[in-house]
């Protein structure tokens, strides 16, 4: 049976491909989702992708992931990573492995981006490799299942 993986995209990610290409490249959110789903299919996993600009909607989707018993969660919450204790607490409920993802190297950017409020509740963090970061995260999550 295929593993069910949920990819959560946060605030402003609908603007990938337009927003600060120096940091984020030119790939769109659709490009990222397509690459994840193709790799998932190759590795025997089903990848569902979800994006929202609303914190409450993100928490509700995480709650549903818990209720549905997903096998793994990948999350790039964008700026919420650095201050959303609501999303952090929702992630803490999830029993499946959670991998934090960032396209840019958040540790080489503005000081406020160096801290993740999710760090204590995720299995690991992968950052700095652009779109490849997502694919590395998917591979890591599948190994943890």
Protein backbone atom coordinates (compact mmCIF):
# COMPACT_ATOMS: atom_id res chain seq x y z
CA UNK A 1 0.00 0.00 0.00
CA UNK A 2 1.32 3.45 -0.93
CA UNK A 3 2.38 5.80 1.84
CA UNK A 4 0.28 8.95 2.18
CA UNK A 5 2.39 12.08 2.50
CA UNK A 6 1.00 15.57 3.03
CA UNK A 7 2.98 18.57 1.77
CA UNK A 8 1.96 21.79 3.52
CA UNK A 9 2.91 25.08 1.85
CA UNK A 10 2.54 28.25 3.87
CA UNK A 11 2.05 31.92 3.47
CA UNK A 12 3.12 33.58 0.20
CA UNK A 13 4.13 30.31 -1.44
CA UNK A 14 1.49 30.84 -4.11
CA UNK A 15 3.89 33.58 -5.28
CA UNK A 16 6.85 31.24 -5.94
CA UNK A 17 8.22 31.98 -9.39
CA UNK A 18 7.48 35.68 -8.94
CA UNK A 19 8.72 36.43 -5.44
CA UNK A 20 12.45 37.15 -4.93
CA UNK A 21 13.92 34.74 -7.49
CA UNK A 22 17.39 35.23 -5.96
CA UNK A 23 16.21 33.43 -2.81
CA UNK A 24 13.52 31.18 -4.22
CA UNK A 25 14.38 30.61 -7.88
CA UNK A 26 11.88 30.67 -10.70
CA UNK A 27 9.97 27.45 -10.02
CA UNK A 28 6.29 27.93 -9.34
CA UNK A 29 4.31 26.18 -6.63
CA UNK A 30 2.78 24.01 -9.34
CA UNK A 31 6.29 23.02 -10.49
CA UNK A 32 7.23 22.03 -6.93
CA UNK A 33 4.04 20.05 -6.41
CA UNK A 34 4.47 18.26 -9.74
CA UNK A 35 8.08 17.31 -8.89
CA UNK A 36 7.02 16.00 -5.47
CA UNK A 37 4.14 13.99 -6.86
CA UNK A 38 6.32 12.50 -9.62
CA UNK A 39 8.99 11.45 -7.11
CA UNK A 40 6.31 10.15 -4.78
CA UNK A 41 4.88 7.98 -7.55
CA UNK A 42 8.37 6.68 -8.34
CA UNK A 43 8.95 5.83 -4.67
CA UNK A 44 5.50 4.32 -4.08
CA UNK A 45 3.94 7.23 -2.21
CA UNK A 46 0.92 9.42 -2.75
CA UNK A 47 1.73 13.10 -2.15
CA UNK A 48 -1.10 15.52 -1.47
CA UNK A 49 -0.19 19.21 -1.60
CA UNK A 50 -1.97 22.00 0.27
CA UNK A 51 -1.22 25.74 0.31
CA UNK A 52 -2.85 28.50 2.30
CA UNK A 53 -2.18 32.09 3.30
CA UNK A 54 -4.38 31.66 6.40
CA UNK A 55 -2.90 30.39 9.64
CA UNK A 56 -6.16 28.92 10.90
CA UNK A 57 -6.65 26.99 7.66
CA UNK A 58 -3.14 25.57 8.06
CA UNK A 59 -3.92 24.42 11.61
CA UNK A 60 -7.19 22.85 10.48
CA UNK A 61 -5.41 20.96 7.68
CA UNK A 62 -2.84 19.67 10.18
CA UNK A 63 -5.66 18.52 12.47
CA UNK A 64 -7.23 16.68 9.54
CA UNK A 65 -3.87 15.05 8.74
CA UNK A 66 -3.81 13.70 12.29
CA UNK A 67 -7.39 12.45 12.03
CA UNK A 68 -6.70 10.84 8.64
CA UNK A 69 -3.55 9.15 9.96
CA UNK A 70 -1.21 10.38 7.23
CA UNK A 71 2.11 8.56 7.09
CA UNK A 72 4.32 11.69 6.92
CA UNK A 73 4.07 15.47 6.73
CA UNK A 74 6.38 17.88 4.94
CA UNK A 75 5.95 21.54 5.85
CA UNK A 76 7.34 24.76 4.49
CA UNK A 77 5.38 27.25 6.51
CA UNK A 78 7.34 30.26 5.28
CA UNK A 79 7.45 33.13 7.75
CA UNK A 80 5.11 31.27 10.12
CA UNK A 81 8.07 29.01 10.91
CA UNK A 82 9.58 31.77 13.00
CA UNK A 83 6.61 32.79 15.14
CA UNK A 84 3.48 30.63 14.80
CA UNK A 85 3.05 28.77 18.05
CA UNK A 86 -0.44 27.81 16.84
CA UNK A 87 0.98 25.85 13.91
CA UNK A 88 3.73 24.48 16.15
CA UNK A 89 1.16 23.14 18.60
CA UNK A 90 -0.89 21.62 15.78
CA UNK A 91 2.22 19.87 14.43
CA UNK A 92 2.97 18.52 17.90
CA UNK A 93 -0.27 16.53 17.74
CA UNK A 94 0.76 14.70 14.55
CA UNK A 95 2.15 11.24 15.29
CA UNK A 96 3.69 10.73 11.83
CA UNK A 97 7.19 12.05 11.02
CA UNK A 98 7.18 15.77 10.19
CA UNK A 99 10.00 17.29 8.13
CA UNK A 100 10.48 21.06 7.98
CA UNK A 101 11.48 22.37 4.55
CA UNK A 102 12.87 25.69 3.30
CA UNK A 103 14.01 26.47 -0.24
CA UNK A 104 16.55 29.04 0.94
CA UNK A 105 19.18 28.61 3.62
CA UNK A 106 17.33 30.30 6.47
CA UNK A 107 20.52 30.31 8.58
CA UNK A 108 22.29 32.55 6.04
CA UNK A 109 19.49 35.11 5.92
CA UNK A 110 18.03 37.73 8.25
CA UNK A 111 18.54 36.92 11.94
CA UNK A 112 14.80 36.49 12.62
CA UNK A 113 14.77 33.58 10.13
CA UNK A 114 17.45 31.62 12.03
CA UNK A 115 14.99 30.39 14.66
CA UNK A 116 12.24 27.82 14.04
CA UNK A 117 9.48 27.48 16.61
CA UNK A 118 8.78 24.07 15.00
CA UNK A 119 12.25 22.66 15.73
CA UNK A 120 11.21 20.90 18.95
CA UNK A 121 8.32 19.03 17.31
CA UNK A 122 9.67 18.07 13.87
CA UNK A 123 11.96 15.15 13.10
CA UNK A 124 14.32 17.31 11.08
CA UNK A 125 14.86 20.33 8.89
CA UNK A 126 16.20 20.53 5.34
CA UNK A 127 16.98 23.92 3.83
CA UNK A 128 18.94 25.73 1.18
CA UNK A 129 18.69 23.51 -1.90
CA UNK A 130 15.82 25.17 -3.74
CA UNK A 131 13.25 22.78 -5.21
CA UNK A 132 15.60 19.86 -4.48
CA UNK A 133 15.00 20.55 -0.76
CA UNK A 134 11.44 19.23 -1.13
CA UNK A 135 12.62 16.06 -2.86
CA UNK A 136 15.25 15.42 -0.19
CA UNK A 137 12.57 15.91 2.46
CA UNK A 138 10.24 13.44 0.78
CA UNK A 139 12.99 10.83 0.60
CA UNK A 140 13.85 11.40 4.28
CA UNK A 141 10.22 11.20 5.38
CA UNK A 142 9.65 7.96 3.51
CA UNK A 143 12.70 6.41 5.18
CA UNK A 144 11.23 7.30 8.61
CA UNK A 145 7.87 5.62 7.98
